[in-house]
Amino acid sequence: RVDQLKYDVQHLQTALRNFQHRRYMREQQERQREELLARTFTTNDSDTTIPIDETLQFNESLQSAHRGMDDLIGSGTNILQGLRDQRVTLKGTHKKILDVANMLG
């Protein structure tokens, strides 16, 4: 019988704590709701500013870097094409020299 009473007391204490917690949470939500309803919002609130200048400057820097990389890749492509052309020219010259050497014996 004592064990049953201990169990009932623990059960009731747990139920009381749960009830108090739910009541506290409900009161807190009501308080927050009232604070939101009582707050006045303005169009030029300092908390809602967006640093557009910094973002714009960052975007321009990225675009500049992108253009620089494109120029660098284009320059590298032109250099490779020039080297290919020189190779073709040198191969042709080498072949002509070999032909002349063969003719002269």
C-alpha atoms as a PDB file:
ATOM      1  CA  ARG A   1       0.000   0.000   0.000  1.00  0.00           C
ATOM      2  CA  VAL A   2       2.911   2.368   0.760  1.00  0.00           C
ATOM      3  CA  ASP A   3       4.468   1.558  -2.624  1.00  0.00           C
ATOM      4  CA  GLN A   4       1.165   2.301  -4.295  1.00  0.00           C
ATOM      5  CA  LEU A   5       0.989   5.677  -2.532  1.00  0.00           C
ATOM      6  CA  LYS A   6       4.592   6.490  -3.566  1.00  0.00           C
ATOM      7  CA  TYR A   7       3.721   5.636  -7.172  1.00  0.00           C
ATOM      8  CA  ASP A   8       0.590   7.796  -7.051  1.00  0.00           C
ATOM      9  CA  VAL A   9       2.557  10.730  -5.573  1.00  0.00           C
ATOM     10  CA  GLN A  10       5.225  10.473  -8.298  1.00  0.00           C
ATOM     11  CA  HIS A  11       2.546  10.225 -10.965  1.00  0.00           C
ATOM     12  CA  LEU A  12       0.726  13.280  -9.620  1.00  0.00           C
ATOM     13  CA  GLN A  13       3.978  15.263  -9.313  1.00  0.00           C
ATOM     14  CA  THR A  14       4.861  14.467 -12.929  1.00  0.00           C
ATOM     15  CA  ALA A  15       1.385  15.487 -14.074  1.00  0.00           C
ATOM     16  CA  LEU A  16       1.674  18.725 -12.091  1.00  0.00           C
ATOM     17  CA  ARG A  17       5.078  19.516 -13.636  1.00  0.00           C
ATOM     18  CA  ASN A  18       3.706  18.859 -17.128  1.00  0.00           C
ATOM     19  CA  PHE A  19       0.712  21.071 -16.435  1.00  0.00           C
ATOM     20  CA  GLN A  20       2.932  23.864 -15.074  1.00  0.00           C
ATOM     21  CA  HIS A  21       5.253  23.603 -18.077  1.00  0.00           C
ATOM     22  CA  ARG A  22       2.346  23.800 -20.538  1.00  0.00           C
ATOM     23  CA  ARG A  23       0.912  26.781 -18.631  1.00  0.00           C
ATOM     24  CA  TYR A  24       4.306  28.531 -18.638  1.00  0.00           C
ATOM     25  CA  MET A  25       4.716  27.940 -22.372  1.00  0.00           C
ATOM     26  CA  ARG A  26       1.188  29.224 -23.084  1.00  0.00           C
ATOM     27  CA  GLU A  27       1.823  32.361 -21.003  1.00  0.00           C
ATOM     28  CA  GLN A  28       5.129  32.933 -22.772  1.00  0.00           C
ATOM     29  CA  GLN A  29       3.482  32.581 -26.185  1.00  0.00           C
ATOM     30  CA  GLU A  30       0.736  35.002 -25.189  1.00  0.00           C
ATOM     31  CA  ARG A  31       3.344  37.492 -23.928  1.00  0.00           C
ATOM     32  CA  GLN A  32       5.296  37.222 -27.197  1.00  0.00           C
ATOM     33  CA  ARG A  33       2.105  37.612 -29.220  1.00  0.00           C
ATOM     34  CA  GLU A  34       1.181  40.755 -27.267  1.00  0.00           C
ATOM     35  CA  GLU A  35       4.686  42.164 -27.778  1.00  0.00           C
ATOM     36  CA  LEU A  36       4.416  41.612 -31.513  1.00  0.00           C
ATOM     37  CA  LEU A  37       0.980  43.167 -31.689  1.00  0.00           C
ATOM     38  CA  ALA A  38       2.086  46.162 -29.619  1.00  0.00           C
ATOM     39  CA  ARG A  39       5.242  46.783 -31.665  1.00  0.00           C
ATOM     40  CA  THR A  40       5.081  49.508 -34.262  1.00  0.00           C
ATOM     41  CA  PHE A  41       6.871  48.838 -37.508  1.00  0.00           C
ATOM     42  CA  THR A  42       8.349  51.613 -39.614  1.00  0.00           C
ATOM     43  CA  THR A  43       9.520  51.613 -43.193  1.00  0.00           C
ATOM     44  CA  ASN A  44      13.020  52.893 -42.386  1.00  0.00           C
ATOM     45  CA  ASP A  45      13.864  50.569 -39.529  1.00  0.00           C
ATOM     46  CA  SER A  46      17.653  50.384 -39.096  1.00  0.00           C
ATOM     47  CA  ASP A  47      17.474  46.605 -38.544  1.00  0.00           C
ATOM     48  CA  THR A  48      16.293  46.019 -42.112  1.00  0.00           C
ATOM     49  CA  THR A  49      19.070  47.760 -44.037  1.00  0.00           C
ATOM     50  CA  ILE A  50      20.870  45.781 -46.711  1.00  0.00           C
ATOM     51  CA  PRO A  51      24.498  46.628 -47.497  1.00  0.00           C
ATOM     52  CA  ILE A  52      23.966  46.980 -51.254  1.00  0.00           C
ATOM     53  CA  ASP A  53      27.131  49.032 -51.796  1.00  0.00           C
ATOM     54  CA  GLU A  54      29.372  46.293 -50.403  1.00  0.00           C
ATOM     55  CA  THR A  55      27.498  43.615 -52.341  1.00  0.00           C
ATOM     56  CA  LEU A  56      27.700  45.647 -55.544  1.00  0.00           C
ATOM     57  CA  GLN A  57      31.426  46.230 -55.076  1.00  0.00           C
ATOM     58  CA  PHE A  58      31.951  42.514 -54.403  1.00  0.00           C
ATOM     59  CA  ASN A  59      29.970  41.617 -57.530  1.00  0.00           C
ATOM     60  CA  GLU A  60      32.001  44.059 -59.652  1.00  0.00           C
ATOM     61  CA  SER A  61      35.232  42.571 -58.283  1.00  0.00           C
ATOM     62  CA  LEU A  62      34.053  39.085 -59.193  1.00  0.00           C
ATOM     63  CA  GLN A  63      33.113  40.206 -62.696  1.00  0.00           C
ATOM     64  CA  SER A  64      36.507  41.875 -63.105  1.00  0.00           C
ATOM     65  CA  ALA A  65      38.266  38.695 -61.989  1.00  0.00           C
ATOM     66  CA  HIS A  66      36.097  36.693 -64.398  1.00  0.00           C
ATOM     67  CA  ARG A  67      37.030  38.993 -67.293  1.00  0.00           C
ATOM     68  CA  GLY A  68      40.698  38.747 -66.309  1.00  0.00           C
ATOM     69  CA  MET A  69      40.539  34.949 -66.339  1.00  0.00           C
ATOM     70  CA  ASP A  70      38.808  35.011 -69.742  1.00  0.00           C
ATOM     71  CA  ASP A  71      41.565  37.281 -71.084  1.00  0.00           C
ATOM     72  CA  LEU A  72      44.219  34.982 -69.625  1.00  0.00           C
ATOM     73  CA  ILE A  73      42.616  31.900 -71.204  1.00  0.00           C
ATOM     74  CA  GLY A  74      42.297  33.733 -74.549  1.00  0.00           C
ATOM     75  CA  SER A  75      45.960  34.748 -74.367  1.00  0.00           C
ATOM     76  CA  GLY A  76      46.982  31.161 -73.599  1.00  0.00           C
ATOM     77  CA  THR A  77      44.912  29.902 -76.540  1.00  0.00           C
ATOM     78  CA  ASN A  78      46.589  32.398 -78.886  1.00  0.00           C
ATOM     79  CA  ILE A  79      50.051  31.357 -77.652  1.00  0.00           C
ATOM     80  CA  LEU A  80      49.251  27.668 -78.227  1.00  0.00           C
ATOM     81  CA  GLN A  81      47.938  28.414 -81.714  1.00  0.00           C
ATOM     82  CA  GLY A  82      51.138  30.373 -82.495  1.00  0.00           C
ATOM     83  CA  LEU A  83      53.263  27.446 -81.295  1.00  0.00           C
ATOM     84  CA  ARG A  84      51.283  25.056 -83.510  1.00  0.00           C
ATOM     85  CA  ASP A  85      51.788  27.324 -86.499  1.00  0.00           C
ATOM     86  CA  GLN A  86      55.549  27.522 -85.769  1.00  0.00           C
ATOM     87  CA  ARG A  87      55.681  23.723 -85.520  1.00  0.00           C
ATOM     88  CA  VAL A  88      54.024  23.349 -88.918  1.00  0.00           C
ATOM     89  CA  THR A  89      56.437  25.916 -90.376  1.00  0.00           C
ATOM     90  CA  LEU A  90      59.472  24.207 -88.840  1.00  0.00           C
ATOM     91  CA  LYS A  91      58.310  20.785 -90.047  1.00  0.00           C
ATOM     92  CA  GLY A  92      57.966  22.153 -93.558  1.00  0.00           C
ATOM     93  CA  THR A  93      61.418  23.758 -93.374  1.00  0.00           C
ATOM     94  CA  HIS A  94      62.926  20.535 -92.000  1.00  0.00           C
ATOM     95  CA  LYS A  95      61.388  18.542 -94.831  1.00  0.00           C
ATOM     96  CA  LYS A  96      62.739  20.976 -97.437  1.00  0.00           C
ATOM     97  CA  ILE A  97      66.227  20.828 -95.881  1.00  0.00           C
ATOM     98  CA  LEU A  98      66.148  17.024 -95.970  1.00  0.00           C
ATOM     99  CA  ASP A  99      65.011  17.119 -99.596  1.00  0.00           C
ATOM    100  CA  VAL A 100      67.870  19.489-100.526  1.00  0.00           C
ATOM    101  CA  ALA A 101      70.364  17.314 -98.612  1.00  0.00           C
ATOM    102  CA  ASN A 102      69.147  14.210-100.414  1.00  0.00           C
ATOM    103  CA  MET A 103      69.425  15.971-103.764  1.00  0.00           C
ATOM    104  CA  LEU A 104      72.980  17.070-103.061  1.00  0.00           C
ATOM    105  CA  GLY A 105      73.914  13.669-101.853  1.00  0.00           C
END
